[in-house]
Amino acid sequence: MEEIILQQAATFVTDLFENKLSPKNLYHNIAHTERVLENVTKISKYENCNAHDIFLLKLAAWFHDTGYTVVEDVGHEFKSVEIIKQFFDQISISEEDKLLVEKLILVTQSNLPPKTHLEQIMKDADCAHVASNDFFDISEQLRLELIYKKEEEILELDWFLKNKQFLEKHSFYTTYAIQKLQPQKEINEYHLNQKITKLEEKRANKSANKKTGRGVETLFRVQLKNHIELSAIADTKANILLSVNAIIISVVLSNLVPKLDNESNLFLVYPTLILLTFSVISIVLSVISTRPNISNVTVTKEMIVNNRTNILFFGNFYKMNLKDFEWGIDYLISNEDTLYNSLTKDLYYLGLVLERKYRLLRITYTVFMIGIVISAISFVVSYNFFINIF
């Protein structure tokens, strides 16, 4: 008789799930019900339950989640009791057994501790997935179910943290579960903690990369490019001054100086000397503005680790041997803070070099301009003075 009732229960619940259960129930469905039924059978037999108790447990297992056909989540256990009462009208079972089955269904509430041996079996059977080899796959089904029902994202790390909290609070009650299921549960907890650690590191790296992401890399790339272009412009300007003043000196030495021994050209002496003097000063300043400045400090590993140097600039690393330089580059690659600190130093010192170049160039252009003006004035004054005398 009891086997017939269980067959009727299987048909009743299967039809109910097929016709009324939402497709959102990726976890609480017929597959979960069958797993709980299998667990109930294993545990009750190991716990030496009699046939009638096993029958009541199986009946409760079939109906314990049928309430999901009525509500999405909260209070589904009470709806399951209402549904099994409808089934009770179709079968012959004692009131005492009905009440016991209803209690077995209600004990599956997560916050309700079991009071009897049968309730302990039911509780362990319902939560046996925590000790399953497929724990993470089953857990993912539950996560997706909640996502579809609540229509909001549940991040994998947040979900794993909730699983961790659940496993820490969860306890098995029966001898079977403690001996047979607890070891696998602990293994699952270990793997869960590993996954949490990896995801937390990944999240931390993402958070850090917000500071060192594409925007920051673009900033350094553009600014370094601008500094290099400005440096090239400064060198070009210095080269122009060098070329112009070299031509002036060449012309003066080849055309004016040979004529100075003639008394009629004595008025050219002072203007020529003034022009040559300012041209030489301009050349010297142009050379100084483009002359590279190389550090004499020997870079050490300690200086790299403590961010006291920048080995990205050749003037700093040229004294290092290849092995130490390779170590320094590897250290920068594996330590983003140090890498970006070095790039910042590189940008800063390039700025200082540019400031020095443009300051000297400004002085050079000023000297050149003043020299040309004074030379021209001196030619006029000297010529007039010479004419008036002679």
Protein backbone atom coordinates (compact mmCIF):
# COMPACT_ATOMS: atom_id res chain seq x y z
CA MET A 1 0.00 0.00 0.00
CA GLU A 2 2.74 2.46 0.95
CA GLU A 3 4.60 1.79 -2.31
CA ILE A 4 1.44 2.58 -4.23
CA ILE A 5 1.08 5.86 -2.35
CA LEU A 6 4.68 6.77 -3.15
CA GLN A 7 4.04 6.02 -6.84
CA GLN A 8 0.97 8.25 -6.70
CA ALA A 9 3.05 10.96 -5.00
CA ALA A 10 5.70 10.73 -7.73
CA THR A 11 3.07 11.11 -10.44
CA PHE A 12 1.33 13.97 -8.59
CA VAL A 13 4.53 15.97 -8.01
CA THR A 14 5.98 15.32 -11.48
CA ASP A 15 2.80 16.51 -13.18
CA LEU A 16 2.62 19.51 -10.85
CA PHE A 17 6.18 20.57 -11.66
CA GLU A 18 5.72 20.05 -15.40
CA ASN A 19 2.56 22.14 -15.55
CA LYS A 20 2.95 24.79 -12.86
CA LEU A 21 6.62 25.18 -11.90
CA SER A 22 8.29 28.31 -13.30
CA PRO A 23 11.24 27.72 -15.67
CA LYS A 24 13.14 30.12 -13.40
CA ASN A 25 13.47 27.28 -10.89
CA LEU A 26 16.80 25.97 -12.09
CA TYR A 27 17.59 24.51 -8.66
CA HIS A 28 14.29 23.88 -6.88
CA ASN A 29 12.84 21.50 -9.44
CA ILE A 30 12.20 17.80 -9.99
CA ALA A 31 15.95 17.07 -10.17
CA HIS A 32 16.50 18.50 -6.68
CA THR A 33 13.48 16.63 -5.39
CA GLU A 34 14.83 13.35 -6.74
CA ARG A 35 18.24 14.07 -5.15
CA VAL A 36 16.60 14.66 -1.77
CA LEU A 37 14.57 11.46 -2.20
CA GLU A 38 17.77 9.52 -2.92
CA ASN A 39 19.51 11.06 0.09
CA VAL A 40 16.57 10.28 2.35
CA THR A 41 16.70 6.65 1.27
CA LYS A 42 20.45 6.31 1.91
CA ILE A 43 20.46 8.07 5.26
CA SER A 44 17.32 6.39 6.66
CA LYS A 45 18.61 2.94 5.81
CA TYR A 46 21.99 3.67 7.39
CA GLU A 47 20.22 5.06 10.45
CA ASN A 48 18.24 1.78 10.78
CA CYS A 49 14.82 3.38 10.28
CA ASN A 50 11.86 1.05 9.91
CA ALA A 51 9.95 0.77 6.65
CA HIS A 52 7.10 3.01 7.79
CA ASP A 53 9.45 5.84 8.82
CA ILE A 54 11.22 5.54 5.47
CA PHE A 55 7.85 5.81 3.75
CA LEU A 56 6.99 9.02 5.64
CA LEU A 57 10.40 10.52 4.85
CA LYS A 58 10.05 9.71 1.14
CA LEU A 59 6.58 11.21 1.06
CA ALA A 60 7.86 14.41 2.67
CA ALA A 61 10.79 14.46 0.24
CA TRP A 62 8.46 14.33 -2.74
CA PHE A 63 6.38 17.28 -1.57
CA HIS A 64 8.88 19.46 0.36
CA ASP A 65 9.43 21.93 -2.53
CA THR A 66 6.05 21.79 -4.28
CA GLY A 67 5.27 25.20 -2.76
CA TYR A 68 7.52 26.74 -5.42
CA THR A 69 4.68 26.20 -7.87
CA VAL A 70 2.73 28.81 -5.90
CA VAL A 71 5.35 31.25 -4.54
CA GLU A 72 8.84 32.09 -5.77
CA ASP A 73 10.69 31.77 -2.50
CA VAL A 74 9.61 32.95 0.96
CA GLY A 75 7.06 30.72 2.64
CA HIS A 76 7.17 27.95 0.08
CA GLU A 77 7.33 25.32 2.86
CA PHE A 78 3.89 26.33 4.13
CA LYS A 79 2.52 26.23 0.59
CA SER A 80 4.03 22.76 0.24
CA VAL A 81 2.04 21.68 3.31
CA GLU A 82 -1.15 23.06 1.74
CA ILE A 83 -0.45 21.11 -1.47
CA ILE A 84 0.24 17.81 0.33
CA LYS A 85 -3.06 18.23 2.18
CA GLN A 86 -4.74 18.17 -1.23
CA PHE A 87 -2.88 14.93 -1.93
CA PHE A 88 -3.94 13.51 1.43
CA ASP A 89 -7.54 13.79 0.26
CA GLN A 90 -6.74 11.25 -2.45
CA ILE A 91 -5.10 8.62 -0.21
CA SER A 92 -5.76 6.78 3.02
CA ILE A 93 -3.29 7.77 5.76
CA SER A 94 -3.63 8.34 9.50
CA GLU A 95 -3.90 11.83 10.96
CA GLU A 96 -0.81 11.17 13.01
CA ASP A 97 1.21 10.34 9.88
CA LYS A 98 -0.18 13.40 8.09
CA LEU A 99 0.96 15.64 10.93
CA LEU A 100 4.38 14.00 10.99
CA VAL A 101 4.88 14.43 7.22
CA GLU A 102 3.86 18.09 7.49
CA LYS A 103 6.47 18.64 10.22
CA LEU A 104 9.11 16.94 8.07
CA ILE A 105 8.32 19.39 5.25
CA LEU A 106 8.38 22.44 7.53
CA VAL A 107 11.72 21.47 9.08
CA THR A 108 13.40 22.10 5.70
CA GLN A 109 13.22 25.82 6.54
CA SER A 110 16.81 27.03 6.77
CA ASN A 111 16.44 28.65 10.19
CA LEU A 112 14.53 25.81 11.85
CA PRO A 113 16.59 23.21 13.79
CA PRO A 114 15.41 19.57 13.80
CA LYS A 115 13.91 18.14 16.99
CA THR A 116 13.44 14.46 16.16
CA HIS A 117 15.54 11.79 14.52
CA LEU A 118 13.38 11.81 11.39
CA GLU A 119 13.62 15.60 11.18
CA GLN A 120 17.40 15.29 11.38
CA ILE A 121 17.37 12.83 8.47
CA MET A 122 15.13 15.16 6.43
CA LYS A 123 17.32 18.14 7.19
CA ASP A 124 20.53 16.35 6.21
CA ALA A 125 18.96 14.96 3.04
CA ASP A 126 17.80 18.42 1.93
CA CYS A 127 21.26 19.96 2.47
CA ALA A 128 23.36 17.02 1.31
CA HIS A 129 24.39 18.93 -1.83
CA VAL A 130 26.98 20.78 0.30
CA ALA A 131 28.87 17.46 0.42
CA SER A 132 28.38 16.64 -3.25
CA ASN A 133 31.15 16.35 -5.82
CA ASP A 134 28.93 18.60 -7.95
CA PHE A 135 28.58 21.21 -5.22
CA PHE A 136 29.76 24.14 -7.37
CA ASP A 137 27.56 23.19 -10.33
CA ILE A 138 24.53 22.84 -8.07
CA SER A 139 25.38 26.11 -6.33
CA GLU A 140 25.59 27.86 -9.70
CA GLN A 141 22.09 26.61 -10.56
CA LEU A 142 20.78 28.19 -7.36
CA ARG A 143 22.60 31.46 -8.12
CA LEU A 144 21.08 31.65 -11.60
CA GLU A 145 17.65 30.85 -10.16
CA LEU A 146 17.92 33.77 -7.75
CA ILE A 147 19.19 36.07 -10.52
CA TYR A 148 16.18 35.26 -12.71
CA LYS A 149 13.71 35.59 -9.87
CA LYS A 150 15.08 38.81 -8.36
CA GLU A 151 16.08 40.23 -11.75
CA GLU A 152 19.34 41.56 -10.36
CA GLU A 153 22.94 40.46 -10.79
CA ILE A 154 24.66 38.39 -8.11
CA LEU A 155 28.41 38.62 -8.56
CA GLU A 156 30.32 35.36 -8.34
CA LEU A 157 32.49 36.55 -5.45
CA ASP A 158 29.48 37.79 -3.47
CA TRP A 159 27.75 34.47 -4.07
CA PHE A 160 30.75 32.46 -2.92
CA LEU A 161 30.94 34.57 0.23
CA LYS A 162 27.28 33.78 0.95
CA ASN A 163 28.02 30.10 0.38
CA LYS A 164 30.91 30.36 2.82
CA GLN A 165 28.65 31.89 5.47
CA PHE A 166 26.08 29.15 4.90
CA LEU A 167 28.64 26.35 5.18
CA GLU A 168 30.11 27.83 8.35
CA LYS A 169 26.68 27.90 10.01
CA HIS A 170 25.52 24.57 8.59
CA SER A 171 25.79 21.36 10.60
CA PHE A 172 24.97 17.75 9.87
CA TYR A 173 22.90 15.90 12.47
CA THR A 174 22.79 12.21 11.61
CA THR A 175 25.60 9.69 12.10
CA TYR A 176 25.56 8.90 8.39
CA ALA A 177 25.99 12.53 7.38
CA ILE A 178 28.72 13.20 9.92
CA GLN A 179 30.72 10.14 8.88
CA LYS A 180 29.99 10.00 5.14
CA LEU A 181 29.21 13.57 4.08
CA GLN A 182 31.19 15.83 6.40
CA PRO A 183 34.63 15.00 4.84
CA GLN A 184 33.48 15.98 1.33
CA LYS A 185 31.80 19.08 2.74
CA GLU A 186 35.14 20.16 4.23
CA ILE A 187 36.85 19.54 0.88
CA ASN A 188 34.23 21.71 -0.80
CA GLU A 189 34.80 24.41 1.81
CA TYR A 190 38.53 24.31 1.08
CA HIS A 191 38.00 24.71 -2.66
CA LEU A 192 35.43 27.43 -2.00
CA ASN A 193 37.94 29.40 0.05
CA GLN A 194 40.49 29.03 -2.73
CA LYS A 195 38.02 30.40 -5.27
CA ILE A 196 37.16 33.29 -2.94
CA THR A 197 40.84 34.14 -2.50
CA LYS A 198 41.44 34.18 -6.26
CA LEU A 199 38.37 36.31 -6.93
CA GLU A 200 39.29 38.74 -4.14
CA GLU A 201 42.79 39.10 -5.60
CA LYS A 202 41.26 39.65 -9.02
CA ARG A 203 38.88 42.28 -7.63
CA ALA A 204 41.76 43.96 -5.78
CA ASN A 205 43.83 44.02 -8.97
CA LYS A 206 40.91 45.53 -10.85
CA SER A 207 40.58 48.17 -8.19
CA ALA A 208 44.29 48.92 -8.42
CA ASN A 209 44.13 48.98 -12.20
CA LYS A 210 41.64 51.80 -12.01
CA LYS A 211 44.62 53.87 -10.96
CA THR A 212 46.89 52.33 -13.54
CA GLY A 213 44.51 51.61 -16.37
CA ARG A 214 44.43 52.72 -19.99
CA GLY A 215 43.69 56.33 -19.08
CA VAL A 216 46.82 56.62 -16.95
CA GLU A 217 48.93 54.81 -19.54
CA THR A 218 47.64 57.18 -22.21
CA LEU A 219 48.51 60.12 -19.95
CA PHE A 220 52.12 58.97 -19.58
CA ARG A 221 52.40 58.09 -23.28
CA VAL A 222 51.10 61.47 -24.48
CA GLN A 223 53.08 63.52 -21.97
CA LEU A 224 56.34 61.68 -22.63
CA LYS A 225 55.78 62.09 -26.37
CA ASN A 226 55.11 65.81 -25.91
CA HIS A 227 58.27 66.22 -23.84
CA ILE A 228 60.37 64.41 -26.44
CA GLU A 229 58.90 66.54 -29.24
CA LEU A 230 59.52 69.74 -27.27
CA SER A 231 63.09 68.59 -26.63
CA ALA A 232 63.55 67.98 -30.37
CA ILE A 233 62.17 71.46 -31.12
CA ALA A 234 64.61 72.98 -28.62
CA ASP A 235 67.52 71.12 -30.22
CA THR A 236 66.40 72.32 -33.66
CA LYS A 237 66.28 75.94 -32.46
CA ALA A 238 69.74 75.58 -30.92
CA ASN A 239 71.03 74.07 -34.16
CA ILE A 240 69.61 77.00 -36.13
CA LEU A 241 71.43 79.46 -33.88
CA LEU A 242 74.64 77.45 -34.16
CA SER A 243 74.40 77.41 -37.96
CA VAL A 244 73.55 81.12 -38.29
CA ASN A 245 76.31 82.25 -35.96
CA ALA A 246 78.82 79.89 -37.58
CA ILE A 247 77.97 81.44 -40.97
CA ILE A 248 78.33 84.95 -39.51
CA ILE A 249 81.74 84.12 -38.04
CA SER A 250 82.83 82.52 -41.31
CA VAL A 251 81.75 85.57 -43.33
CA VAL A 252 83.39 87.98 -40.89
CA LEU A 253 86.66 86.08 -40.82
CA SER A 254 86.81 85.59 -44.57
CA ASN A 255 85.58 89.02 -45.75
CA LEU A 256 85.91 91.66 -43.02
CA VAL A 257 89.01 90.70 -41.07
CA PRO A 258 91.37 90.77 -44.13
CA LYS A 259 90.24 94.34 -44.84
CA LEU A 260 90.99 95.66 -41.37
CA ASP A 261 94.65 96.28 -42.17
CA ASN A 262 93.58 99.07 -44.53
CA GLU A 263 93.32 102.47 -42.81
CA SER A 264 90.14 103.26 -44.74
CA ASN A 265 88.42 100.32 -43.05
CA LEU A 266 89.43 101.06 -39.49
CA PHE A 267 85.82 101.98 -38.64
CA LEU A 268 84.98 98.26 -39.08
CA VAL A 269 87.23 97.08 -36.24
CA TYR A 270 84.92 97.64 -33.29
CA PRO A 271 81.68 96.55 -35.04
CA THR A 272 83.46 93.41 -36.22
CA LEU A 273 84.74 92.61 -32.74
CA ILE A 274 81.28 93.20 -31.25
CA LEU A 275 79.63 90.97 -33.86
CA LEU A 276 82.23 88.22 -33.36
CA THR A 277 81.91 88.42 -29.57
CA PHE A 278 78.13 88.10 -29.54
CA SER A 279 78.23 85.33 -32.16
CA VAL A 280 80.74 83.33 -30.11
CA ILE A 281 78.64 83.81 -26.95
CA SER A 282 75.53 82.66 -28.84
CA ILE A 283 77.33 79.56 -30.08
CA VAL A 284 78.59 78.72 -26.59
CA LEU A 285 75.10 79.13 -25.08
CA SER A 286 73.57 76.99 -27.86
CA VAL A 287 76.07 74.23 -27.21
CA ILE A 288 75.44 74.38 -23.45
CA SER A 289 71.66 74.15 -23.97
CA THR A 290 72.00 70.93 -25.98
CA ARG A 291 74.81 69.37 -23.96
CA PRO A 292 73.52 66.20 -22.21
CA ASN A 293 73.81 65.84 -18.46
CA ILE A 294 74.59 62.30 -17.29
CA SER A 295 74.47 61.21 -13.67
CA ASN A 296 77.62 59.85 -12.03
CA VAL A 297 75.67 57.93 -9.37
CA THR A 298 75.93 54.13 -9.51
CA VAL A 299 72.42 52.66 -9.28
CA THR A 300 71.91 49.76 -6.83
CA LYS A 301 69.08 47.28 -6.30
CA GLU A 302 68.25 48.94 -3.00
CA MET A 303 67.75 52.27 -4.79
CA ILE A 304 65.36 50.62 -7.26
CA VAL A 305 63.32 48.90 -4.53
CA ASN A 306 63.10 52.13 -2.49
CA ASN A 307 62.08 54.23 -5.54
CA ARG A 308 65.17 56.41 -5.26
CA THR A 309 66.15 56.22 -8.93
CA ASN A 310 64.77 55.80 -12.43
CA ILE A 311 66.49 53.12 -14.50
CA LEU A 312 64.29 53.91 -17.51
CA PHE A 313 66.69 56.79 -18.32
CA PHE A 314 70.00 55.71 -19.86
CA GLY A 315 71.91 58.35 -17.92
CA ASN A 316 71.05 56.44 -14.74
CA PHE A 317 71.54 52.82 -15.76
CA TYR A 318 74.61 53.08 -18.00
CA LYS A 319 76.89 52.06 -15.12
CA MET A 320 74.82 48.97 -14.27
CA ASN A 321 75.84 45.57 -15.56
CA LEU A 322 73.42 43.67 -17.78
CA LYS A 323 72.35 41.22 -15.07
CA ASP A 324 71.39 43.96 -12.60
CA PHE A 325 69.63 45.96 -15.31
CA GLU A 326 67.55 42.92 -16.35
CA TRP A 327 66.67 42.34 -12.70
CA GLY A 328 65.62 45.98 -12.37
CA ILE A 329 63.35 45.81 -15.44
CA ASP A 330 61.77 42.56 -14.19
CA TYR A 331 61.20 44.19 -10.81
CA LEU A 332 59.44 47.16 -12.45
CA ILE A 333 57.24 44.85 -14.53
CA SER A 334 56.15 42.86 -11.47
CA ASN A 335 55.63 45.96 -9.27
CA GLU A 336 53.26 48.42 -10.90
CA ASP A 337 53.63 51.04 -8.18
CA THR A 338 57.40 51.17 -8.71
CA LEU A 339 56.94 51.14 -12.49
CA TYR A 340 54.59 54.11 -12.49
CA ASN A 341 56.77 55.86 -9.96
CA SER A 342 59.71 55.49 -12.37
CA LEU A 343 57.60 56.82 -15.25
CA THR A 344 56.62 59.78 -13.08
CA LYS A 345 60.26 60.47 -12.28
CA ASP A 346 61.12 60.18 -15.97
CA LEU A 347 58.40 62.70 -16.83
CA TYR A 348 59.53 65.07 -14.08
CA TYR A 349 63.23 65.03 -14.98
CA LEU A 350 62.43 65.43 -18.67
CA GLY A 351 60.51 68.52 -17.65
CA LEU A 352 63.54 69.84 -15.76
CA VAL A 353 65.76 69.22 -18.79
CA LEU A 354 63.28 71.03 -21.02
CA GLU A 355 63.12 73.98 -18.63
CA ARG A 356 66.91 74.27 -18.70
CA LYS A 357 67.05 74.01 -22.51
CA TYR A 358 64.36 76.60 -23.14
CA ARG A 359 65.78 78.96 -20.50
CA LEU A 360 69.24 78.83 -22.11
CA LEU A 361 67.69 79.14 -25.58
CA ARG A 362 65.78 82.23 -24.49
CA ILE A 363 69.02 83.74 -23.18
CA THR A 364 70.83 82.73 -26.41
CA TYR A 365 68.20 84.32 -28.67
CA THR A 366 68.28 87.44 -26.49
CA VAL A 367 72.09 87.63 -26.71
CA PHE A 368 71.97 87.05 -30.48
CA MET A 369 69.31 89.72 -30.96
CA ILE A 370 71.14 92.24 -28.79
CA GLY A 371 74.42 91.42 -30.55
CA ILE A 372 72.94 92.00 -34.01
CA VAL A 373 71.38 95.30 -32.90
CA ILE A 374 74.53 96.58 -31.15
CA SER A 375 76.70 95.49 -34.06
CA ALA A 376 74.49 97.34 -36.54
CA ILE A 377 74.42 100.45 -34.35
CA SER A 378 78.18 100.27 -33.86
CA PHE A 379 78.71 100.10 -37.64
CA VAL A 380 76.66 103.27 -38.09
CA VAL A 381 78.27 105.12 -35.18
CA SER A 382 81.79 104.04 -36.13
CA TYR A 383 81.28 104.96 -39.76
CA ASN A 384 79.92 108.44 -38.89
CA PHE A 385 82.75 109.00 -36.39
CA PHE A 386 85.32 107.98 -38.99
CA ILE A 387 83.82 110.25 -41.70
CA ASN A 388 83.75 113.27 -39.36
CA ILE A 389 87.42 112.80 -38.41
CA PHE A 390 88.70 112.27 -41.88
